[in-house]
Amino acid sequence: MKKAQHELKETIKSDRDELTAIRDELNKAKQDKLLSNYEAIAHTKEAGRQSRWYYAASATTLASLSYFVHYLYRNAVNFEELLPQLAGKDVSSWDVLISRLPMVTATG
């Protein structure tokens, strides 16, 4: 009987040790999972901050390009209106641009 009790106690102790090892492994896995979630959350927040900066830089660049194109168009319209007054006759803007093309090609 004592031998059976002793074997039973050894089995219980062995099972308890095994259960403790499994619990430790489970706790470590939970900590690793929480750590990886924390890293993913931190990565997501940082990506959000950086994307806002890139969106702002892109919007600024787009606004600058839009302003530049509008400025060129406005000056081209003004040039087209001003050209007949400067030339004193009915001259097309293409004639003026083509007549300046050899000089631009030689100096450019």
PDB file of N, CA and C in Angstrom:
ATOM      1  N   MET A   1       0.815  -1.186   0.000  1.00  0.00           N
ATOM      2  CA  MET A   1       0.000   0.000   0.000  1.00  0.00           C
ATOM      3  C   MET A   1       0.869   1.265   0.000  1.00  0.00           C
ATOM      4  N   LYS A   2       1.923   1.237   0.838  1.00  0.00           N
ATOM      5  CA  LYS A   2       2.814   2.376   0.883  1.00  0.00           C
ATOM      6  C   LYS A   2       3.508   2.577  -0.446  1.00  0.00           C
ATOM      7  N   LYS A   3       3.816   1.473  -1.095  1.00  0.00           N
ATOM      8  CA  LYS A   3       4.469   1.563  -2.399  1.00  0.00           C
ATOM      9  C   LYS A   3       3.523   2.199  -3.415  1.00  0.00           C
ATOM     10  N   ALA A   4       2.267   1.852  -3.392  1.00  0.00           N
ATOM     11  CA  ALA A   4       1.270   2.423  -4.298  1.00  0.00           C
ATOM     12  C   ALA A   4       1.078   3.903  -4.008  1.00  0.00           C
ATOM     13  N   GLN A   5       1.051   4.253  -2.696  1.00  0.00           N
ATOM     14  CA  GLN A   5       0.926   5.668  -2.344  1.00  0.00           C
ATOM     15  C   GLN A   5       2.159   6.435  -2.811  1.00  0.00           C
ATOM     16  N   HIS A   6       3.315   5.852  -2.630  1.00  0.00           N
ATOM     17  CA  HIS A   6       4.550   6.494  -3.048  1.00  0.00           C
ATOM     18  C   HIS A   6       4.565   6.688  -4.574  1.00  0.00           C
ATOM     19  N   GLU A   7       4.161   5.678  -5.316  1.00  0.00           N
ATOM     20  CA  GLU A   7       4.090   5.786  -6.780  1.00  0.00           C
ATOM     21  C   GLU A   7       3.074   6.840  -7.193  1.00  0.00           C
ATOM     22  N   LEU A   8       1.961   6.860  -6.486  1.00  0.00           N
ATOM     23  CA  LEU A   8       0.928   7.857  -6.778  1.00  0.00           C
ATOM     24  C   LEU A   8       1.448   9.262  -6.504  1.00  0.00           C
ATOM     25  N   LYS A   9       2.170   9.440  -5.384  1.00  0.00           N
ATOM     26  CA  LYS A   9       2.744  10.747  -5.067  1.00  0.00           C
ATOM     27  C   LYS A   9       3.789  11.145  -6.116  1.00  0.00           C
ATOM     28  N   GLU A  10       4.594  10.207  -6.548  1.00  0.00           N
ATOM     29  CA  GLU A  10       5.599  10.481  -7.580  1.00  0.00           C
ATOM     30  C   GLU A  10       4.928  10.870  -8.897  1.00  0.00           C
ATOM     31  N   THR A  11       3.859  10.164  -9.223  1.00  0.00           N
ATOM     32  CA  THR A  11       3.114  10.476 -10.450  1.00  0.00           C
ATOM     33  C   THR A  11       2.501  11.873 -10.355  1.00  0.00           C
ATOM     34  N   ILE A  12       1.926  12.179  -9.192  1.00  0.00           N
ATOM     35  CA  ILE A  12       1.335  13.515  -8.996  1.00  0.00           C
ATOM     36  C   ILE A  12       2.416  14.583  -9.074  1.00  0.00           C
ATOM     37  N   LYS A  13       3.548  14.341  -8.443  1.00  0.00           N
ATOM     38  CA  LYS A  13       4.650  15.312  -8.487  1.00  0.00           C
ATOM     39  C   LYS A  13       5.153  15.492  -9.913  1.00  0.00           C
ATOM     40  N   SER A  14       5.293  14.392 -10.623  1.00  0.00           N
ATOM     41  CA  SER A  14       5.735  14.459 -12.015  1.00  0.00           C
ATOM     42  C   SER A  14       4.729  15.236 -12.866  1.00  0.00           C
ATOM     43  N   ASP A  15       3.445  14.924 -12.654  1.00  0.00           N
ATOM     44  CA  ASP A  15       2.398  15.641 -13.406  1.00  0.00           C
ATOM     45  C   ASP A  15       2.374  17.118 -13.040  1.00  0.00           C
ATOM     46  N   ARG A  16       2.584  17.414 -11.752  1.00  0.00           N
ATOM     47  CA  ARG A  16       2.598  18.807 -11.306  1.00  0.00           C
ATOM     48  C   ARG A  16       3.780  19.544 -11.940  1.00  0.00           C
ATOM     49  N   ASP A  17       4.937  18.923 -11.986  1.00  0.00           N
ATOM     50  CA  ASP A  17       6.119  19.534 -12.610  1.00  0.00           C
ATOM     51  C   ASP A  17       5.881  19.760 -14.104  1.00  0.00           C
ATOM     52  N   GLU A  18       5.272  18.753 -14.730  1.00  0.00           N
ATOM     53  CA  GLU A  18       4.964  18.881 -16.159  1.00  0.00           C
ATOM     54  C   GLU A  18       3.955  20.004 -16.388  1.00  0.00           C
ATOM     55  N   LEU A  19       2.942  20.075 -15.512  1.00  0.00           N
ATOM     56  CA  LEU A  19       1.930  21.134 -15.622  1.00  0.00           C
ATOM     57  C   LEU A  19       2.559  22.502 -15.389  1.00  0.00           C
ATOM     58  N   THR A  20       3.472  22.604 -14.450  1.00  0.00           N
ATOM     59  CA  THR A  20       4.167  23.872 -14.191  1.00  0.00           C
ATOM     60  C   THR A  20       4.990  24.281 -15.413  1.00  0.00           C
ATOM     61  N   ALA A  21       5.656  23.328 -16.027  1.00  0.00           N
ATOM     62  CA  ALA A  21       6.452  23.620 -17.228  1.00  0.00           C
ATOM     63  C   ALA A  21       5.549  24.089 -18.371  1.00  0.00           C
ATOM     64  N   ILE A  22       4.393  23.433 -18.501  1.00  0.00           N
ATOM     65  CA  ILE A  22       3.450  23.837 -19.562  1.00  0.00           C
ATOM     66  C   ILE A  22       2.905  25.238 -19.285  1.00  0.00           C
ATOM     67  N   ARG A  23       2.584  25.519 -18.014  1.00  0.00           N
ATOM     68  CA  ARG A  23       2.095  26.865 -17.659  1.00  0.00           C
ATOM     69  C   ARG A  23       3.164  27.923 -17.931  1.00  0.00           C
ATOM     70  N   ASP A  24       4.408  27.623 -17.579  1.00  0.00           N
ATOM     71  CA  ASP A  24       5.497  28.567 -17.856  1.00  0.00           C
ATOM     72  C   ASP A  24       5.631  28.818 -19.358  1.00  0.00           C
ATOM     73  N   GLU A  25       5.552  27.752 -20.121  1.00  0.00           N
ATOM     74  CA  GLU A  25       5.636  27.881 -21.583  1.00  0.00           C
ATOM     75  C   GLU A  25       4.468  28.696 -22.124  1.00  0.00           C
ATOM     76  N   LEU A  26       3.280  28.476 -21.581  1.00  0.00           N
ATOM     77  CA  LEU A  26       2.097  29.226 -22.002  1.00  0.00           C
ATOM     78  C   LEU A  26       2.238  30.700 -21.642  1.00  0.00           C
ATOM     79  N   ASN A  27       2.718  30.997 -20.443  1.00  0.00           N
ATOM     80  CA  ASN A  27       2.924  32.393 -20.042  1.00  0.00           C
ATOM     81  C   ASN A  27       3.959  33.075 -20.930  1.00  0.00           C
ATOM     82  N   LYS A  28       5.021  32.356 -21.268  1.00  0.00           N
ATOM     83  CA  LYS A  28       6.037  32.927 -22.164  1.00  0.00           C
ATOM     84  C   LYS A  28       5.446  33.204 -23.543  1.00  0.00           C
ATOM     85  N   ALA A  29       4.621  32.274 -24.030  1.00  0.00           N
ATOM     86  CA  ALA A  29       3.982  32.474 -25.340  1.00  0.00           C
ATOM     87  C   ALA A  29       3.044  33.673 -25.301  1.00  0.00           C
ATOM     88  N   LYS A  30       2.312  33.841 -24.186  1.00  0.00           N
ATOM     89  CA  LYS A  30       1.415  34.997 -24.061  1.00  0.00           C
ATOM     90  C   LYS A  30       2.211  36.302 -24.048  1.00  0.00           C
ATOM     91  N   GLN A  31       3.332  36.319 -23.333  1.00  0.00           N
ATOM     92  CA  GLN A  31       4.165  37.518 -23.292  1.00  0.00           C
ATOM     93  C   GLN A  31       4.732  37.836 -24.675  1.00  0.00           C
ATOM     94  N   ASP A  32       5.171  36.809 -25.389  1.00  0.00           N
ATOM     95  CA  ASP A  32       5.684  37.018 -26.748  1.00  0.00           C
ATOM     96  C   ASP A  32       4.591  37.554 -27.656  1.00  0.00           C
ATOM     97  N   LYS A  33       3.387  37.025 -27.498  1.00  0.00           N
ATOM     98  CA  LYS A  33       2.262  37.487 -28.316  1.00  0.00           C
ATOM     99  C   LYS A  33       1.960  38.945 -28.007  1.00  0.00           C
ATOM    100  N   LEU A  34       1.924  39.298 -26.721  1.00  0.00           N
ATOM    101  CA  LEU A  34       1.671  40.686 -26.351  1.00  0.00           C
ATOM    102  C   LEU A  34       2.774  41.601 -26.853  1.00  0.00           C
ATOM    103  N   LEU A  35       4.012  41.135 -26.770  1.00  0.00           N
ATOM    104  CA  LEU A  35       5.132  41.935 -27.251  1.00  0.00           C
ATOM    105  C   LEU A  35       5.039  42.146 -28.754  1.00  0.00           C
ATOM    106  N   SER A  36       4.699  41.095 -29.494  1.00  0.00           N
ATOM    107  CA  SER A  36       4.584  41.257 -30.945  1.00  0.00           C
ATOM    108  C   SER A  36       3.398  42.158 -31.290  1.00  0.00           C
ATOM    109  N   ASN A  37       2.308  42.063 -30.530  1.00  0.00           N
ATOM    110  CA  ASN A  37       1.179  42.973 -30.759  1.00  0.00           C
ATOM    111  C   ASN A  37       1.585  44.404 -30.461  1.00  0.00           C
ATOM    112  N   TYR A  38       2.327  44.605 -29.387  1.00  0.00           N
ATOM    113  CA  TYR A  38       2.789  45.943 -29.036  1.00  0.00           C
ATOM    114  C   TYR A  38       3.690  46.507 -30.131  1.00  0.00           C
ATOM    115  N   GLU A  39       4.584  45.663 -30.658  1.00  0.00           N
ATOM    116  CA  GLU A  39       5.461  46.108 -31.741  1.00  0.00           C
ATOM    117  C   GLU A  39       4.655  46.442 -32.988  1.00  0.00           C
ATOM    118  N   ALA A  40       3.639  45.638 -33.280  1.00  0.00           N
ATOM    119  CA  ALA A  40       2.802  45.906 -34.459  1.00  0.00           C
ATOM    120  C   ALA A  40       2.026  47.203 -34.278  1.00  0.00           C
ATOM    121  N   ILE A  41       1.517  47.434 -33.073  1.00  0.00           N
ATOM    122  CA  ILE A  41       0.781  48.673 -32.801  1.00  0.00           C
ATOM    123  C   ILE A  41       1.715  49.870 -32.929  1.00  0.00           C
ATOM    124  N   ALA A  42       2.911  49.758 -32.383  1.00  0.00           N
ATOM    125  CA  ALA A  42       3.885  50.846 -32.483  1.00  0.00           C
ATOM    126  C   ALA A  42       4.260  51.099 -33.947  1.00  0.00           C
ATOM    127  N   HIS A  43       4.424  50.027 -34.709  1.00  0.00           N
ATOM    128  CA  HIS A  43       4.749  50.170 -36.133  1.00  0.00           C
ATOM    129  C   HIS A  43       3.607  50.873 -36.871  1.00  0.00           C
ATOM    130  N   THR A  44       2.379  50.508 -36.564  1.00  0.00           N
ATOM    131  CA  THR A  44       1.219  51.122 -37.215  1.00  0.00           C
ATOM    132  C   THR A  44       1.131  52.605 -36.891  1.00  0.00           C
ATOM    133  N   LYS A  45       1.359  52.961 -35.625  1.00  0.00           N
ATOM    134  CA  LYS A  45       1.312  54.376 -35.242  1.00  0.00           C
ATOM    135  C   LYS A  45       2.405  55.171 -35.956  1.00  0.00           C
ATOM    136  N   GLU A  46       3.611  54.620 -36.002  1.00  0.00           N
ATOM    137  CA  GLU A  46       4.714  55.314 -36.666  1.00  0.00           C
ATOM    138  C   GLU A  46       4.449  55.463 -38.163  1.00  0.00           C
ATOM    139  N   ALA A  47       3.913  54.430 -38.773  1.00  0.00           N
ATOM    140  CA  ALA A  47       3.575  54.505 -40.205  1.00  0.00           C
ATOM    141  C   ALA A  47       2.512  55.575 -40.445  1.00  0.00           C
ATOM    142  N   GLY A  48       1.555  55.684 -39.537  1.00  0.00           N
ATOM    143  CA  GLY A  48       0.527  56.723 -39.654  1.00  0.00           C
ATOM    144  C   GLY A  48       1.118  58.114 -39.560  1.00  0.00           C
ATOM    145  N   ARG A  49       2.046  58.313 -38.614  1.00  0.00           N
ATOM    146  CA  ARG A  49       2.695  59.618 -38.491  1.00  0.00           C
ATOM    147  C   ARG A  49       3.490  59.949 -39.749  1.00  0.00           C
ATOM    148  N   GLN A  50       4.226  58.987 -40.260  1.00  0.00           N
ATOM    149  CA  GLN A  50       5.038  59.235 -41.450  1.00  0.00           C
ATOM    150  C   GLN A  50       4.171  59.463 -42.680  1.00  0.00           C
ATOM    151  N   SER A  51       3.072  58.729 -42.790  1.00  0.00           N
ATOM    152  CA  SER A  51       2.219  58.903 -43.969  1.00  0.00           C
ATOM    153  C   SER A  51       1.572  60.280 -43.963  1.00  0.00           C
ATOM    154  N   ARG A  52       1.223  60.807 -42.775  1.00  0.00           N
ATOM    155  CA  ARG A  52       0.678  62.168 -42.727  1.00  0.00           C
ATOM    156  C   ARG A  52       1.696  63.168 -43.245  1.00  0.00           C
ATOM    157  N   TRP A  53       2.974  62.997 -42.874  1.00  0.00           N
ATOM    158  CA  TRP A  53       4.008  63.907 -43.351  1.00  0.00           C
ATOM    159  C   TRP A  53       4.153  63.799 -44.865  1.00  0.00           C
ATOM    160  N   TYR A  54       4.144  62.577 -45.408  1.00  0.00           N
ATOM    161  CA  TYR A  54       4.260  62.409 -46.857  1.00  0.00           C
ATOM    162  C   TYR A  54       3.043  62.972 -47.588  1.00  0.00           C
ATOM    163  N   TYR A  55       1.853  62.816 -47.017  1.00  0.00           N
ATOM    164  CA  TYR A  55       0.663  63.411 -47.632  1.00  0.00           C
ATOM    165  C   TYR A  55       0.774  64.928 -47.660  1.00  0.00           C
ATOM    166  N   ALA A  56       1.269  65.514 -46.572  1.00  0.00           N
ATOM    167  CA  ALA A  56       1.432  66.968 -46.532  1.00  0.00           C
ATOM    168  C   ALA A  56       2.467  67.423 -47.561  1.00  0.00           C
ATOM    169  N   ALA A  57       3.572  66.701 -47.663  1.00  0.00           N
ATOM    170  CA  ALA A  57       4.599  67.057 -48.646  1.00  0.00           C
ATOM    171  C   ALA A  57       4.059  66.901 -50.071  1.00  0.00           C
ATOM    172  N   SER A  58       3.287  65.850 -50.310  1.00  0.00           N
ATOM    173  CA  SER A  58       2.707  65.636 -51.642  1.00  0.00           C
ATOM    174  C   SER A  58       1.699  66.723 -51.978  1.00  0.00           C
ATOM    175  N   ALA A  59       0.882  67.096 -51.003  1.00  0.00           N
ATOM    176  CA  ALA A  59      -0.113  68.150 -51.239  1.00  0.00           C
ATOM    177  C   ALA A  59       0.583  69.478 -51.528  1.00  0.00           C
ATOM    178  N   THR A  60       1.662  69.772 -50.812  1.00  0.00           N
ATOM    179  CA  THR A  60       2.413  71.006 -51.051  1.00  0.00           C
ATOM    180  C   THR A  60       3.024  71.002 -52.453  1.00  0.00           C
ATOM    181  N   THR A  61       3.595  69.888 -52.838  1.00  0.00           N
ATOM    182  CA  THR A  61       4.183  69.778 -54.172  1.00  0.00           C
ATOM    183  C   THR A  61       3.124  69.930 -55.255  1.00  0.00           C
ATOM    184  N   LEU A  62       1.987  69.268 -55.070  1.00  0.00           N
ATOM    185  CA  LEU A  62       0.905  69.368 -56.050  1.00  0.00           C
ATOM    186  C   LEU A  62       0.375  70.794 -56.146  1.00  0.00           C
ATOM    187  N   ALA A  63       0.228  71.468 -55.003  1.00  0.00           N
ATOM    188  CA  ALA A  63      -0.244  72.855 -55.016  1.00  0.00           C
ATOM    189  C   ALA A  63       0.765  73.756 -55.725  1.00  0.00           C
ATOM    190  N   SER A  64       2.059  73.528 -55.473  1.00  0.00           N
ATOM    191  CA  SER A  64       3.090  74.335 -56.139  1.00  0.00           C
ATOM    192  C   SER A  64       3.081  74.115 -57.651  1.00  0.00           C
ATOM    193  N   LEU A  65       2.967  72.867 -58.066  1.00  0.00           N
ATOM    194  CA  LEU A  65       2.910  72.583 -59.511  1.00  0.00           C
ATOM    195  C   LEU A  65       1.660  73.176 -60.146  1.00  0.00           C
ATOM    196  N   SER A  66       0.548  73.096 -59.457  1.00  0.00           N
ATOM    197  CA  SER A  66      -0.698  73.680 -59.987  1.00  0.00           C
ATOM    198  C   SER A  66      -0.556  75.185 -60.142  1.00  0.00           C
ATOM    199  N   TYR A  67       0.026  75.837 -59.142  1.00  0.00           N
ATOM    200  CA  TYR A  67       0.242  77.280 -59.222  1.00  0.00           C
ATOM    201  C   TYR A  67       1.168  77.609 -60.384  1.00  0.00           C
ATOM    202  N   PHE A  68       2.235  76.836 -60.559  1.00  0.00           N
ATOM    203  CA  PHE A  68       3.191  77.081 -61.638  1.00  0.00           C
ATOM    204  C   PHE A  68       2.524  76.941 -63.012  1.00  0.00           C
ATOM    205  N   VAL A  69       1.713  75.902 -63.192  1.00  0.00           N
ATOM    206  CA  VAL A  69       1.014  75.702 -64.471  1.00  0.00           C
ATOM    207  C   VAL A  69       0.027  76.840 -64.719  1.00  0.00           C
ATOM    208  N   HIS A  70      -0.691  77.246 -63.674  1.00  0.00           N
ATOM    209  CA  HIS A  70      -1.634  78.360 -63.816  1.00  0.00           C
ATOM    210  C   HIS A  70      -0.895  79.647 -64.180  1.00  0.00           C
ATOM    211  N   TYR A  71       0.255  79.885 -63.547  1.00  0.00           N
ATOM    212  CA  TYR A  71       1.069  81.061 -63.834  1.00  0.00           C
ATOM    213  C   TYR A  71       1.534  81.058 -65.294  1.00  0.00           C
ATOM    214  N   LEU A  72       2.011  79.903 -65.782  1.00  0.00           N
ATOM    215  CA  LEU A  72       2.433  79.807 -67.179  1.00  0.00           C
ATOM    216  C   LEU A  72       1.273  80.076 -68.141  1.00  0.00           C
ATOM    217  N   TYR A  73       0.122  79.500 -67.847  1.00  0.00           N
ATOM    218  CA  TYR A  73      -1.044  79.689 -68.717  1.00  0.00           C
ATOM    219  C   TYR A  73      -1.461  81.157 -68.735  1.00  0.00           C
ATOM    220  N   ARG A  74      -1.506  81.781 -67.555  1.00  0.00           N
ATOM    221  CA  ARG A  74      -1.910  83.185 -67.478  1.00  0.00           C
ATOM    222  C   ARG A  74      -0.946  84.071 -68.262  1.00  0.00           C
ATOM    223  N   ASN A  75       0.358  83.818 -68.154  1.00  0.00           N
ATOM    224  CA  ASN A  75       1.334  84.612 -68.894  1.00  0.00           C
ATOM    225  C   ASN A  75       1.278  84.328 -70.393  1.00  0.00           C
ATOM    226  N   ALA A  76       0.950  83.095 -70.773  1.00  0.00           N
ATOM    227  CA  ALA A  76       0.810  82.792 -72.200  1.00  0.00           C
ATOM    228  C   ALA A  76      -0.379  83.544 -72.786  1.00  0.00           C
ATOM    229  N   VAL A  77      -1.465  83.630 -72.052  1.00  0.00           N
ATOM    230  CA  VAL A  77      -2.632  84.378 -72.521  1.00  0.00           C
ATOM    231  C   VAL A  77      -2.282  85.856 -72.624  1.00  0.00           C
ATOM    232  N   ASN A  78      -1.573  86.375 -71.623  1.00  0.00           N
ATOM    233  CA  ASN A  78      -1.151  87.785 -71.673  1.00  0.00           C
ATOM    234  C   ASN A  78      -0.211  88.035 -72.845  1.00  0.00           C
ATOM    235  N   PHE A  79       0.687  87.107 -73.131  1.00  0.00           N
ATOM    236  CA  PHE A  79       1.604  87.243 -74.256  1.00  0.00           C
ATOM    237  C   PHE A  79       0.841  87.270 -75.573  1.00  0.00           C
ATOM    238  N   GLU A  80      -0.159  86.423 -75.682  1.00  0.00           N
ATOM    239  CA  GLU A  80      -0.954  86.371 -76.902  1.00  0.00           C
ATOM    240  C   GLU A  80      -1.723  87.671 -77.126  1.00  0.00           C
ATOM    241  N   GLU A  81      -2.173  88.291 -76.033  1.00  0.00           N
ATOM    242  CA  GLU A  81      -2.888  89.570 -76.153  1.00  0.00           C
ATOM    243  C   GLU A  81      -1.925  90.728 -76.410  1.00  0.00           C
ATOM    244  N   LEU A  82      -0.724  90.653 -75.866  1.00  0.00           N
ATOM    245  CA  LEU A  82       0.251  91.731 -75.966  1.00  0.00           C
ATOM    246  C   LEU A  82       1.018  91.725 -77.286  1.00  0.00           C
ATOM    247  N   LEU A  83       1.163  90.573 -77.905  1.00  0.00           N
ATOM    248  CA  LEU A  83       1.987  90.431 -79.107  1.00  0.00           C
ATOM    249  C   LEU A  83       1.553  91.346 -80.257  1.00  0.00           C
ATOM    250  N   PRO A  84       0.289  91.417 -80.635  1.00  0.00           N
ATOM    251  CA  PRO A  84      -0.068  92.322 -81.746  1.00  0.00           C
ATOM    252  C   PRO A  84       0.258  93.781 -81.443  1.00  0.00           C
ATOM    253  N   GLN A  85       0.159  94.185 -80.190  1.00  0.00           N
ATOM    254  CA  GLN A  85       0.472  95.574 -79.838  1.00  0.00           C
ATOM    255  C   GLN A  85       1.969  95.840 -79.962  1.00  0.00           C
ATOM    256  N   LEU A  86       2.799  94.875 -79.608  1.00  0.00           N
ATOM    257  CA  LEU A  86       4.246  95.060 -79.702  1.00  0.00           C
ATOM    258  C   LEU A  86       4.732  95.022 -81.143  1.00  0.00           C
ATOM    259  N   ALA A  87       4.173  94.131 -81.934  1.00  0.00           N
ATOM    260  CA  ALA A  87       4.630  93.970 -83.318  1.00  0.00           C
ATOM    261  C   ALA A  87       4.040  95.041 -84.219  1.00  0.00           C
ATOM    262  N   GLY A  88       2.939  95.624 -83.849  1.00  0.00           N
ATOM    263  CA  GLY A  88       2.326  96.653 -84.667  1.00  0.00           C
ATOM    264  C   GLY A  88       1.559  96.093 -85.846  1.00  0.00           C
ATOM    265  N   LYS A  89       1.478  94.819 -85.971  1.00  0.00           N
ATOM    266  CA  LYS A  89       0.707  94.198 -87.041  1.00  0.00           C
ATOM    267  C   LYS A  89       0.171  92.872 -86.541  1.00  0.00           C
ATOM    268  N   ASP A  90      -0.610  92.221 -87.360  1.00  0.00           N
ATOM    269  CA  ASP A  90      -1.229  90.955 -86.974  1.00  0.00           C
ATOM    270  C   ASP A  90      -0.200  89.833 -87.126  1.00  0.00           C
ATOM    271  N   VAL A  91       0.414  89.462 -86.017  1.00  0.00           N
ATOM    272  CA  VAL A  91       1.442  88.435 -86.020  1.00  0.00           C
ATOM    273  C   VAL A  91       0.988  87.324 -85.069  1.00  0.00           C
ATOM    274  N   SER A  92       1.192  86.126 -85.517  1.00  0.00           N
ATOM    275  CA  SER A  92       0.827  84.992 -84.671  1.00  0.00           C
ATOM    276  C   SER A  92       1.950  84.718 -83.677  1.00  0.00           C
ATOM    277  N   SER A  93       1.575  84.206 -82.515  1.00  0.00           N
ATOM    278  CA  SER A  93       2.587  83.890 -81.504  1.00  0.00           C
ATOM    279  C   SER A  93       3.489  82.746 -81.977  1.00  0.00           C
ATOM    280  N   TRP A  94       2.956  81.864 -82.803  1.00  0.00           N
ATOM    281  CA  TRP A  94       3.779  80.776 -83.346  1.00  0.00           C
ATOM    282  C   TRP A  94       4.885  81.325 -84.243  1.00  0.00           C
ATOM    283  N   ASP A  95       4.570  82.372 -85.005  1.00  0.00           N
ATOM    284  CA  ASP A  95       5.598  82.985 -85.854  1.00  0.00           C
ATOM    285  C   ASP A  95       6.744  83.530 -85.005  1.00  0.00           C
ATOM    286  N   VAL A  96       6.410  84.169 -83.917  1.00  0.00           N
ATOM    287  CA  VAL A  96       7.445  84.722 -83.037  1.00  0.00           C
ATOM    288  C   VAL A  96       8.259  83.593 -82.413  1.00  0.00           C
ATOM    289  N   LEU A  97       7.590  82.555 -81.906  1.00  0.00           N
ATOM    290  CA  LEU A  97       8.302  81.451 -81.281  1.00  0.00           C
ATOM    291  C   LEU A  97       9.186  80.697 -82.271  1.00  0.00           C
ATOM    292  N   ILE A  98       8.683  80.474 -83.476  1.00  0.00           N
ATOM    293  CA  ILE A  98       9.477  79.763 -84.484  1.00  0.00           C
ATOM    294  C   ILE A  98      10.637  80.625 -84.956  1.00  0.00           C
ATOM    295  N   SER A  99      10.438  81.933 -85.045  1.00  0.00           N
ATOM    296  CA  SER A  99      11.535  82.803 -85.482  1.00  0.00           C
ATOM    297  C   SER A  99      12.654  82.848 -84.432  1.00  0.00           C
ATOM    298  N   ARG A 100      12.331  82.576 -83.173  1.00  0.00           N
ATOM    299  CA  ARG A 100      13.352  82.579 -82.112  1.00  0.00           C
ATOM    300  C   ARG A 100      13.972  81.189 -81.905  1.00  0.00           C
ATOM    301  N   LEU A 101      13.439  80.182 -82.572  1.00  0.00           N
ATOM    302  CA  LEU A 101      13.906  78.820 -82.365  1.00  0.00           C
ATOM    303  C   LEU A 101      15.387  78.627 -82.714  1.00  0.00           C
ATOM    304  N   PRO A 102      15.919  79.187 -83.816  1.00  0.00           N
ATOM    305  CA  PRO A 102      17.366  79.007 -84.093  1.00  0.00           C
ATOM    306  C   PRO A 102      18.250  79.592 -83.002  1.00  0.00           C
ATOM    307  N   MET A 103      17.870  80.742 -82.454  1.00  0.00           N
ATOM    308  CA  MET A 103      18.667  81.369 -81.399  1.00  0.00           C
ATOM    309  C   MET A 103      18.608  80.490 -80.109  1.00  0.00           C
ATOM    310  N   VAL A 104      17.429  79.999 -79.792  1.00  0.00           N
ATOM    311  CA  VAL A 104      17.280  79.158 -78.604  1.00  0.00           C
ATOM    312  C   VAL A 104      18.065  77.872 -78.777  1.00  0.00           C
ATOM    313  N   THR A 105      18.030  77.301 -79.975  1.00  0.00           N
ATOM    314  CA  THR A 105      18.758  76.059 -80.240  1.00  0.00           C
ATOM    315  C   THR A 105      20.267  76.295 -80.157  1.00  0.00           C
ATOM    316  N   ALA A 106      20.744  77.409 -80.676  1.00  0.00           N
ATOM    317  CA  ALA A 106      22.183  77.688 -80.680  1.00  0.00           C
ATOM    318  C   ALA A 106      22.696  77.991 -79.287  1.00  0.00           C
ATOM    319  N   THR A 107      21.921  78.683 -78.490  1.00  0.00           N
ATOM    320  CA  THR A 107      22.397  79.065 -77.152  1.00  0.00           C
ATOM    321  C   THR A 107      22.009  78.061 -76.079  1.00  0.00           C
ATOM    322  N   GLY A 108      21.045  77.227 -76.366  1.00  0.00           N
ATOM    323  CA  GLY A 108      20.551  76.288 -75.352  1.00  0.00           C
ATOM    324  C   GLY A 108      21.389  75.102 -75.295  1.00  0.00           C
TER     325      GLY A 108
END
